[in-house]
Amino acid sequence: LSTLAVSVPQSVPKTNDTFVFPARGNERSHFSGYAEGKKALDGKVNIDGVALENWTLHDLRRTLATNLGRRQVLPHVIEHILNHKA
């Protein structure tokens, strides 16, 4: 990650009940509600004005990996970005 990307979560004060991405309306809980968020995205994602159908959030990971590979990012770096490596 870039220096800026790393600095954002590091700037959040560390307490036991603080989340970088809290639930909407409940800062003491982690983000949830992916299904509702996906429905909202479905209404906004389109290509040339035509709604994109039958896509999943995982498609974004595959697209990222494909495009990083096309840009000659090393495979082990892509694996780390996708959190496939410990």
PDB file of N, CA and C in Angstrom:
ATOM      1  N   LEU A   1       0.836  -1.188   0.000  1.00  0.00           N
ATOM      2  CA  LEU A   1       0.000   0.000   0.000  1.00  0.00           C
ATOM      3  C   LEU A   1       0.877   1.246   0.000  1.00  0.00           C
ATOM      4  N   SER A   2       0.311   2.319  -0.495  1.00  0.00           N
ATOM      5  CA  SER A   2       1.045   3.580  -0.488  1.00  0.00           C
ATOM      6  C   SER A   2       1.173   4.104   0.933  1.00  0.00           C
ATOM      7  N   THR A   3       2.075   5.036   1.110  1.00  0.00           N
ATOM      8  CA  THR A   3       2.267   5.652   2.420  1.00  0.00           C
ATOM      9  C   THR A   3       0.972   6.292   2.906  1.00  0.00           C
ATOM     10  N   LEU A   4       0.257   6.961   2.011  1.00  0.00           N
ATOM     11  CA  LEU A   4      -1.007   7.594   2.392  1.00  0.00           C
ATOM     12  C   LEU A   4      -2.033   6.544   2.813  1.00  0.00           C
ATOM     13  N   ALA A   5      -2.152   5.457   2.050  1.00  0.00           N
ATOM     14  CA  ALA A   5      -3.123   4.414   2.388  1.00  0.00           C
ATOM     15  C   ALA A   5      -2.829   3.786   3.744  1.00  0.00           C
ATOM     16  N   VAL A   6      -1.572   3.610   4.060  1.00  0.00           N
ATOM     17  CA  VAL A   6      -1.186   3.038   5.348  1.00  0.00           C
ATOM     18  C   VAL A   6      -1.447   4.031   6.475  1.00  0.00           C
ATOM     19  N   SER A   7      -1.248   5.314   6.207  1.00  0.00           N
ATOM     20  CA  SER A   7      -1.383   6.316   7.261  1.00  0.00           C
ATOM     21  C   SER A   7      -2.828   6.529   7.710  1.00  0.00           C
ATOM     22  N   VAL A   8      -3.798   6.277   6.842  1.00  0.00           N
ATOM     23  CA  VAL A   8      -5.198   6.529   7.204  1.00  0.00           C
ATOM     24  C   VAL A   8      -5.643   5.668   8.381  1.00  0.00           C
ATOM     25  N   PRO A   9      -5.562   4.330   8.299  1.00  0.00           N
ATOM     26  CA  PRO A   9      -5.988   3.552   9.471  1.00  0.00           C
ATOM     27  C   PRO A   9      -5.085   3.766  10.679  1.00  0.00           C
ATOM     28  N   GLN A  10      -3.810   4.075  10.450  1.00  0.00           N
ATOM     29  CA  GLN A  10      -2.908   4.312  11.575  1.00  0.00           C
ATOM     30  C   GLN A  10      -3.255   5.603  12.315  1.00  0.00           C
ATOM     31  N   SER A  11      -3.961   6.508  11.649  1.00  0.00           N
ATOM     32  CA  SER A  11      -4.311   7.780  12.280  1.00  0.00           C
ATOM     33  C   SER A  11      -5.524   7.653  13.210  1.00  0.00           C
ATOM     34  N   VAL A  12      -6.232   6.538  13.136  1.00  0.00           N
ATOM     35  CA  VAL A  12      -7.398   6.323  13.992  1.00  0.00           C
ATOM     36  C   VAL A  12      -6.903   5.947  15.390  1.00  0.00           C
ATOM     37  N   PRO A  13      -7.366   6.644  16.411  1.00  0.00           N
ATOM     38  CA  PRO A  13      -6.934   6.297  17.771  1.00  0.00           C
ATOM     39  C   PRO A  13      -7.260   4.839  18.084  1.00  0.00           C
ATOM     40  N   LYS A  14      -6.328   4.144  18.705  1.00  0.00           N
ATOM     41  CA  LYS A  14      -6.501   2.727  19.002  1.00  0.00           C
ATOM     42  C   LYS A  14      -7.195   2.543  20.344  1.00  0.00           C
ATOM     43  N   THR A  15      -8.438   2.104  20.272  1.00  0.00           N
ATOM     44  CA  THR A  15      -9.187   1.722  21.461  1.00  0.00           C
ATOM     45  C   THR A  15      -9.848   0.389  21.170  1.00  0.00           C
ATOM     46  N   ASN A  16     -10.363  -0.248  22.168  1.00  0.00           N
ATOM     47  CA  ASN A  16     -10.980  -1.562  21.972  1.00  0.00           C
ATOM     48  C   ASN A  16     -12.302  -1.498  21.224  1.00  0.00           C
ATOM     49  N   ASP A  17     -12.912  -0.332  21.156  1.00  0.00           N
ATOM     50  CA  ASP A  17     -14.232  -0.259  20.520  1.00  0.00           C
ATOM     51  C   ASP A  17     -14.240   0.662  19.300  1.00  0.00           C
ATOM     52  N   THR A  18     -13.092   0.861  18.660  1.00  0.00           N
ATOM     53  CA  THR A  18     -13.019   1.714  17.487  1.00  0.00           C
ATOM     54  C   THR A  18     -12.772   0.864  16.248  1.00  0.00           C
ATOM     55  N   PHE A  19     -13.563   1.091  15.231  1.00  0.00           N
ATOM     56  CA  PHE A  19     -13.404   0.393  13.966  1.00  0.00           C
ATOM     57  C   PHE A  19     -13.060   1.409  12.887  1.00  0.00           C
ATOM     58  N   VAL A  20     -12.156   1.046  11.989  1.00  0.00           N
ATOM     59  CA  VAL A  20     -11.827   1.934  10.868  1.00  0.00           C
ATOM     60  C   VAL A  20     -13.045   2.064   9.963  1.00  0.00           C
ATOM     61  N   PHE A  21     -13.771   0.961   9.762  1.00  0.00           N
ATOM     62  CA  PHE A  21     -14.981   0.956   8.953  1.00  0.00           C
ATOM     63  C   PHE A  21     -16.156   0.502   9.820  1.00  0.00           C
ATOM     64  N   PRO A  22     -16.700   1.408  10.625  1.00  0.00           N
ATOM     65  CA  PRO A  22     -17.790   1.009  11.523  1.00  0.00           C
ATOM     66  C   PRO A  22     -19.111   0.831  10.771  1.00  0.00           C
ATOM     67  N   ALA A  23     -20.052   0.215  11.452  1.00  0.00           N
ATOM     68  CA  ALA A  23     -21.392   0.080  10.899  1.00  0.00           C
ATOM     69  C   ALA A  23     -22.028   1.461  10.824  1.00  0.00           C
ATOM     70  N   ARG A  24     -22.850   1.661   9.827  1.00  0.00           N
ATOM     71  CA  ARG A  24     -23.530   2.949   9.695  1.00  0.00           C
ATOM     72  C   ARG A  24     -24.460   3.147  10.884  1.00  0.00           C
ATOM     73  N   GLY A  25     -24.262   4.224  11.605  1.00  0.00           N
ATOM     74  CA  GLY A  25     -25.115   4.528  12.745  1.00  0.00           C
ATOM     75  C   GLY A  25     -24.720   3.825  14.029  1.00  0.00           C
ATOM     76  N   ASN A  26     -23.657   3.007  13.981  1.00  0.00           N
ATOM     77  CA  ASN A  26     -23.222   2.298  15.189  1.00  0.00           C
ATOM     78  C   ASN A  26     -21.702   2.157  15.145  1.00  0.00           C
ATOM     79  N   GLU A  27     -21.011   3.141  15.663  1.00  0.00           N
ATOM     80  CA  GLU A  27     -19.551   3.154  15.591  1.00  0.00           C
ATOM     81  C   GLU A  27     -18.894   2.096  16.454  1.00  0.00           C
ATOM     82  N   ARG A  28     -19.666   1.406  17.292  1.00  0.00           N
ATOM     83  CA  ARG A  28     -19.093   0.360  18.144  1.00  0.00           C
ATOM     84  C   ARG A  28     -19.233  -1.025  17.521  1.00  0.00           C
ATOM     85  N   SER A  29     -19.695  -1.090  16.288  1.00  0.00           N
ATOM     86  CA  SER A  29     -19.859  -2.363  15.600  1.00  0.00           C
ATOM     87  C   SER A  29     -19.149  -2.297  14.249  1.00  0.00           C
ATOM     88  N   HIS A  30     -18.699  -3.438  13.768  1.00  0.00           N
ATOM     89  CA  HIS A  30     -18.035  -3.483  12.470  1.00  0.00           C
ATOM     90  C   HIS A  30     -19.051  -3.336  11.336  1.00  0.00           C
ATOM     91  N   PHE A  31     -18.541  -2.992  10.167  1.00  0.00           N
ATOM     92  CA  PHE A  31     -19.399  -2.852   8.995  1.00  0.00           C
ATOM     93  C   PHE A  31     -20.039  -4.184   8.668  1.00  0.00           C
ATOM     94  N   SER A  32     -21.303  -4.131   8.321  1.00  0.00           N
ATOM     95  CA  SER A  32     -22.021  -5.306   7.834  1.00  0.00           C
ATOM     96  C   SER A  32     -23.038  -4.797   6.821  1.00  0.00           C
ATOM     97  N   GLY A  33     -23.836  -5.653   6.290  1.00  0.00           N
ATOM     98  CA  GLY A  33     -24.846  -5.214   5.341  1.00  0.00           C
ATOM     99  C   GLY A  33     -24.350  -5.193   3.907  1.00  0.00           C
ATOM    100  N   TYR A  34     -23.465  -6.141   3.586  1.00  0.00           N
ATOM    101  CA  TYR A  34     -22.949  -6.189   2.217  1.00  0.00           C
ATOM    102  C   TYR A  34     -24.068  -6.375   1.200  1.00  0.00           C
ATOM    103  N   ALA A  35     -25.079  -7.155   1.540  1.00  0.00           N
ATOM    104  CA  ALA A  35     -26.167  -7.409   0.595  1.00  0.00           C
ATOM    105  C   ALA A  35     -26.903  -6.116   0.241  1.00  0.00           C
ATOM    106  N   GLU A  36     -27.158  -5.288   1.244  1.00  0.00           N
ATOM    107  CA  GLU A  36     -27.837  -4.023   0.984  1.00  0.00           C
ATOM    108  C   GLU A  36     -26.961  -3.082   0.167  1.00  0.00           C
ATOM    109  N   GLY A  37     -25.669  -3.063   0.495  1.00  0.00           N
ATOM    110  CA  GLY A  37     -24.738  -2.239  -0.264  1.00  0.00           C
ATOM    111  C   GLY A  37     -24.626  -2.696  -1.705  1.00  0.00           C
ATOM    112  N   LYS A  38     -24.621  -4.013  -1.903  1.00  0.00           N
ATOM    113  CA  LYS A  38     -24.549  -4.571  -3.261  1.00  0.00           C
ATOM    114  C   LYS A  38     -25.780  -4.180  -4.060  1.00  0.00           C
ATOM    115  N   LYS A  39     -26.955  -4.224  -3.447  1.00  0.00           N
ATOM    116  CA  LYS A  39     -28.183  -3.810  -4.145  1.00  0.00           C
ATOM    117  C   LYS A  39     -28.095  -2.348  -4.573  1.00  0.00           C
ATOM    118  N   ALA A  40     -27.553  -1.508  -3.697  1.00  0.00           N
ATOM    119  CA  ALA A  40     -27.403  -0.094  -4.036  1.00  0.00           C
ATOM    120  C   ALA A  40     -26.424   0.080  -5.191  1.00  0.00           C
ATOM    121  N   LEU A  41     -25.332  -0.693  -5.185  1.00  0.00           N
ATOM    122  CA  LEU A  41     -24.370  -0.627  -6.285  1.00  0.00           C
ATOM    123  C   LEU A  41     -24.982  -1.107  -7.594  1.00  0.00           C
ATOM    124  N   ASP A  42     -25.791  -2.159  -7.511  1.00  0.00           N
ATOM    125  CA  ASP A  42     -26.425  -2.696  -8.725  1.00  0.00           C
ATOM    126  C   ASP A  42     -27.191  -1.620  -9.480  1.00  0.00           C
ATOM    127  N   GLY A  43     -27.804  -0.710  -8.742  1.00  0.00           N
ATOM    128  CA  GLY A  43     -28.573   0.346  -9.390  1.00  0.00           C
ATOM    129  C   GLY A  43     -27.715   1.424 -10.022  1.00  0.00           C
ATOM    130  N   LYS A  44     -26.421   1.419  -9.694  1.00  0.00           N
ATOM    131  CA  LYS A  44     -25.525   2.470 -10.195  1.00  0.00           C
ATOM    132  C   LYS A  44     -24.509   1.977 -11.212  1.00  0.00           C
ATOM    133  N   VAL A  45     -24.282   0.674 -11.266  1.00  0.00           N
ATOM    134  CA  VAL A  45     -23.259   0.144 -12.156  1.00  0.00           C
ATOM    135  C   VAL A  45     -23.877  -0.112 -13.522  1.00  0.00           C
ATOM    136  N   ASN A  46     -23.329   0.572 -14.504  1.00  0.00           N
ATOM    137  CA  ASN A  46     -23.815   0.353 -15.868  1.00  0.00           C
ATOM    138  C   ASN A  46     -22.684   0.605 -16.852  1.00  0.00           C
ATOM    139  N   ILE A  47     -22.857   0.046 -18.028  1.00  0.00           N
ATOM    140  CA  ILE A  47     -21.912   0.252 -19.123  1.00  0.00           C
ATOM    141  C   ILE A  47     -22.694   0.853 -20.272  1.00  0.00           C
ATOM    142  N   ASP A  48     -22.316   2.061 -20.648  1.00  0.00           N
ATOM    143  CA  ASP A  48     -23.006   2.784 -21.727  1.00  0.00           C
ATOM    144  C   ASP A  48     -24.510   2.875 -21.475  1.00  0.00           C
ATOM    145  N   GLY A  49     -24.883   3.090 -20.203  1.00  0.00           N
ATOM    146  CA  GLY A  49     -26.286   3.269 -19.857  1.00  0.00           C
ATOM    147  C   GLY A  49     -27.070   1.990 -19.664  1.00  0.00           C
ATOM    148  N   VAL A  50     -26.428   0.832 -19.839  1.00  0.00           N
ATOM    149  CA  VAL A  50     -27.099  -0.460 -19.661  1.00  0.00           C
ATOM    150  C   VAL A  50     -26.626  -1.070 -18.348  1.00  0.00           C
ATOM    151  N   ALA A  51     -27.586  -1.448 -17.500  1.00  0.00           N
ATOM    152  CA  ALA A  51     -27.249  -2.013 -16.195  1.00  0.00           C
ATOM    153  C   ALA A  51     -26.421  -3.282 -16.356  1.00  0.00           C
ATOM    154  N   LEU A  52     -25.383  -3.398 -15.542  1.00  0.00           N
ATOM    155  CA  LEU A  52     -24.553  -4.595 -15.528  1.00  0.00           C
ATOM    156  C   LEU A  52     -25.250  -5.629 -14.659  1.00  0.00           C
ATOM    157  N   GLU A  53     -25.504  -6.790 -15.212  1.00  0.00           N
ATOM    158  CA  GLU A  53     -26.236  -7.829 -14.487  1.00  0.00           C
ATOM    159  C   GLU A  53     -25.323  -8.992 -14.112  1.00  0.00           C
ATOM    160  N   ASN A  54     -25.723  -9.716 -13.098  1.00  0.00           N
ATOM    161  CA  ASN A  54     -25.065 -10.956 -12.676  1.00  0.00           C
ATOM    162  C   ASN A  54     -23.586 -10.775 -12.348  1.00  0.00           C
ATOM    163  N   TRP A  55     -23.264  -9.736 -11.613  1.00  0.00           N
ATOM    164  CA  TRP A  55     -21.889  -9.541 -11.167  1.00  0.00           C
ATOM    165  C   TRP A  55     -21.857  -9.652  -9.659  1.00  0.00           C
ATOM    166  N   THR A  56     -20.690 -10.002  -9.128  1.00  0.00           N
ATOM    167  CA  THR A  56     -20.527 -10.142  -7.683  1.00  0.00           C
ATOM    168  C   THR A  56     -19.391  -9.243  -7.209  1.00  0.00           C
ATOM    169  N   LEU A  57     -19.328  -9.009  -5.920  1.00  0.00           N
ATOM    170  CA  LEU A  57     -18.234  -8.225  -5.371  1.00  0.00           C
ATOM    171  C   LEU A  57     -16.891  -8.918  -5.614  1.00  0.00           C
ATOM    172  N   HIS A  58     -16.915 -10.249  -5.665  1.00  0.00           N
ATOM    173  CA  HIS A  58     -15.671 -10.991  -5.912  1.00  0.00           C
ATOM    174  C   HIS A  58     -15.134 -10.700  -7.317  1.00  0.00           C
ATOM    175  N   ASP A  59     -16.006 -10.348  -8.249  1.00  0.00           N
ATOM    176  CA  ASP A  59     -15.560  -9.972  -9.591  1.00  0.00           C
ATOM    177  C   ASP A  59     -14.589  -8.796  -9.539  1.00  0.00           C
ATOM    178  N   LEU A  60     -14.758  -7.909  -8.566  1.00  0.00           N
ATOM    179  CA  LEU A  60     -13.848  -6.773  -8.429  1.00  0.00           C
ATOM    180  C   LEU A  60     -12.439  -7.242  -8.079  1.00  0.00           C
ATOM    181  N   ARG A  61     -12.337  -8.270  -7.236  1.00  0.00           N
ATOM    182  CA  ARG A  61     -11.026  -8.830  -6.884  1.00  0.00           C
ATOM    183  C   ARG A  61     -10.359  -9.452  -8.103  1.00  0.00           C
ATOM    184  N   ARG A  62     -11.144 -10.206  -8.879  1.00  0.00           N
ATOM    185  CA  ARG A  62     -10.577 -10.849 -10.069  1.00  0.00           C
ATOM    186  C   ARG A  62     -10.145  -9.803 -11.093  1.00  0.00           C
ATOM    187  N   THR A  63     -10.950  -8.748 -11.247  1.00  0.00           N
ATOM    188  CA  THR A  63     -10.601  -7.684 -12.182  1.00  0.00           C
ATOM    189  C   THR A  63      -9.328  -6.976 -11.746  1.00  0.00           C
ATOM    190  N   LEU A  64      -9.212  -6.711 -10.445  1.00  0.00           N
ATOM    191  CA  LEU A  64      -8.004  -6.088  -9.917  1.00  0.00           C
ATOM    192  C   LEU A  64      -6.791  -6.963 -10.211  1.00  0.00           C
ATOM    193  N   ALA A  65      -6.879  -8.259  -9.899  1.00  0.00           N
ATOM    194  CA  ALA A  65      -5.753  -9.162 -10.115  1.00  0.00           C
ATOM    195  C   ALA A  65      -5.368  -9.214 -11.589  1.00  0.00           C
ATOM    196  N   THR A  66      -6.350  -9.291 -12.466  1.00  0.00           N
ATOM    197  CA  THR A  66      -6.083  -9.326 -13.903  1.00  0.00           C
ATOM    198  C   THR A  66      -5.363  -8.070 -14.360  1.00  0.00           C
ATOM    199  N   ASN A  67      -5.863  -6.917 -13.939  1.00  0.00           N
ATOM    200  CA  ASN A  67      -5.261  -5.660 -14.382  1.00  0.00           C
ATOM    201  C   ASN A  67      -3.885  -5.426 -13.769  1.00  0.00           C
ATOM    202  N   LEU A  68      -3.671  -5.867 -12.535  1.00  0.00           N
ATOM    203  CA  LEU A  68      -2.333  -5.759 -11.956  1.00  0.00           C
ATOM    204  C   LEU A  68      -1.355  -6.634 -12.728  1.00  0.00           C
ATOM    205  N   GLY A  69      -1.797  -7.828 -13.107  1.00  0.00           N
ATOM    206  CA  GLY A  69      -0.951  -8.714 -13.911  1.00  0.00           C
ATOM    207  C   GLY A  69      -0.611  -8.098 -15.260  1.00  0.00           C
ATOM    208  N   ARG A  70      -1.574  -7.461 -15.891  1.00  0.00           N
ATOM    209  CA  ARG A  70      -1.327  -6.788 -17.170  1.00  0.00           C
ATOM    210  C   ARG A  70      -0.322  -5.658 -17.025  1.00  0.00           C
ATOM    211  N   ARG A  71      -0.246  -5.088 -15.834  1.00  0.00           N
ATOM    212  CA  ARG A  71       0.698  -4.004 -15.576  1.00  0.00           C
ATOM    213  C   ARG A  71       2.020  -4.528 -15.021  1.00  0.00           C
ATOM    214  N   GLN A  72       2.201  -5.846 -15.142  1.00  0.00           N
ATOM    215  CA  GLN A  72       3.443  -6.512 -14.799  1.00  0.00           C
ATOM    216  C   GLN A  72       3.781  -6.461 -13.306  1.00  0.00           C
ATOM    217  N   VAL A  73       2.735  -6.357 -12.476  1.00  0.00           N
ATOM    218  CA  VAL A  73       2.953  -6.472 -11.026  1.00  0.00           C
ATOM    219  C   VAL A  73       3.286  -7.937 -10.754  1.00  0.00           C
ATOM    220  N   LEU A  74       4.280  -8.166  -9.949  1.00  0.00           N
ATOM    221  CA  LEU A  74       4.718  -9.532  -9.671  1.00  0.00           C
ATOM    222  C   LEU A  74       3.609 -10.339  -8.993  1.00  0.00           C
ATOM    223  N   PRO A  75       3.481 -11.622  -9.362  1.00  0.00           N
ATOM    224  CA  PRO A  75       2.406 -12.454  -8.803  1.00  0.00           C
ATOM    225  C   PRO A  75       2.369 -12.482  -7.276  1.00  0.00           C
ATOM    226  N   HIS A  76       3.544 -12.542  -6.618  1.00  0.00           N
ATOM    227  CA  HIS A  76       3.521 -12.610  -5.153  1.00  0.00           C
ATOM    228  C   HIS A  76       2.999 -11.304  -4.548  1.00  0.00           C
ATOM    229  N   VAL A  77       3.191 -10.185  -5.235  1.00  0.00           N
ATOM    230  CA  VAL A  77       2.663  -8.905  -4.757  1.00  0.00           C
ATOM    231  C   VAL A  77       1.136  -8.903  -4.901  1.00  0.00           C
ATOM    232  N   ILE A  78       0.645  -9.399  -6.025  1.00  0.00           N
ATOM    233  CA  ILE A  78      -0.812  -9.488  -6.239  1.00  0.00           C
ATOM    234  C   ILE A  78      -1.438 -10.368  -5.157  1.00  0.00           C
ATOM    235  N   GLU A  79      -0.792 -11.483  -4.845  1.00  0.00           N
ATOM    236  CA  GLU A  79      -1.308 -12.386  -3.806  1.00  0.00           C
ATOM    237  C   GLU A  79      -1.408 -11.675  -2.460  1.00  0.00           C
ATOM    238  N   HIS A  80      -0.427 -10.857  -2.132  1.00  0.00           N
ATOM    239  CA  HIS A  80      -0.468 -10.118  -0.871  1.00  0.00           C
ATOM    240  C   HIS A  80      -1.580  -9.073  -0.896  1.00  0.00           C
ATOM    241  N   ILE A  81      -1.745  -8.387  -2.006  1.00  0.00           N
ATOM    242  CA  ILE A  81      -2.803  -7.390  -2.115  1.00  0.00           C
ATOM    243  C   ILE A  81      -4.169  -8.027  -1.919  1.00  0.00           C
ATOM    244  N   LEU A  82      -4.342  -9.229  -2.464  1.00  0.00           N
ATOM    245  CA  LEU A  82      -5.617  -9.941  -2.329  1.00  0.00           C
ATOM    246  C   LEU A  82      -5.743 -10.668  -0.995  1.00  0.00           C
ATOM    247  N   ASN A  83      -4.715 -10.529  -0.158  1.00  0.00           N
ATOM    248  CA  ASN A  83      -4.677 -11.158   1.160  1.00  0.00           C
ATOM    249  C   ASN A  83      -4.695 -12.695   1.059  1.00  0.00           C
ATOM    250  N   HIS A  84      -4.047 -13.220   0.029  1.00  0.00           N
ATOM    251  CA  HIS A  84      -3.933 -14.684  -0.127  1.00  0.00           C
ATOM    252  C   HIS A  84      -2.737 -15.240   0.606  1.00  0.00           C
ATOM    253  N   LYS A  85      -1.843 -14.371   1.037  1.00  0.00           N
ATOM    254  CA  LYS A  85      -0.628 -14.790   1.737  1.00  0.00           C
ATOM    255  C   LYS A  85      -0.617 -14.217   3.135  1.00  0.00           C
ATOM    256  N   ALA A  86      -0.088 -14.967   4.065  1.00  0.00           N
ATOM    257  CA  ALA A  86       0.003 -14.483   5.442  1.00  0.00           C
ATOM    258  C   ALA A  86       1.199 -13.587   5.621  1.00  0.00           C
TER     259      ALA A  86
END
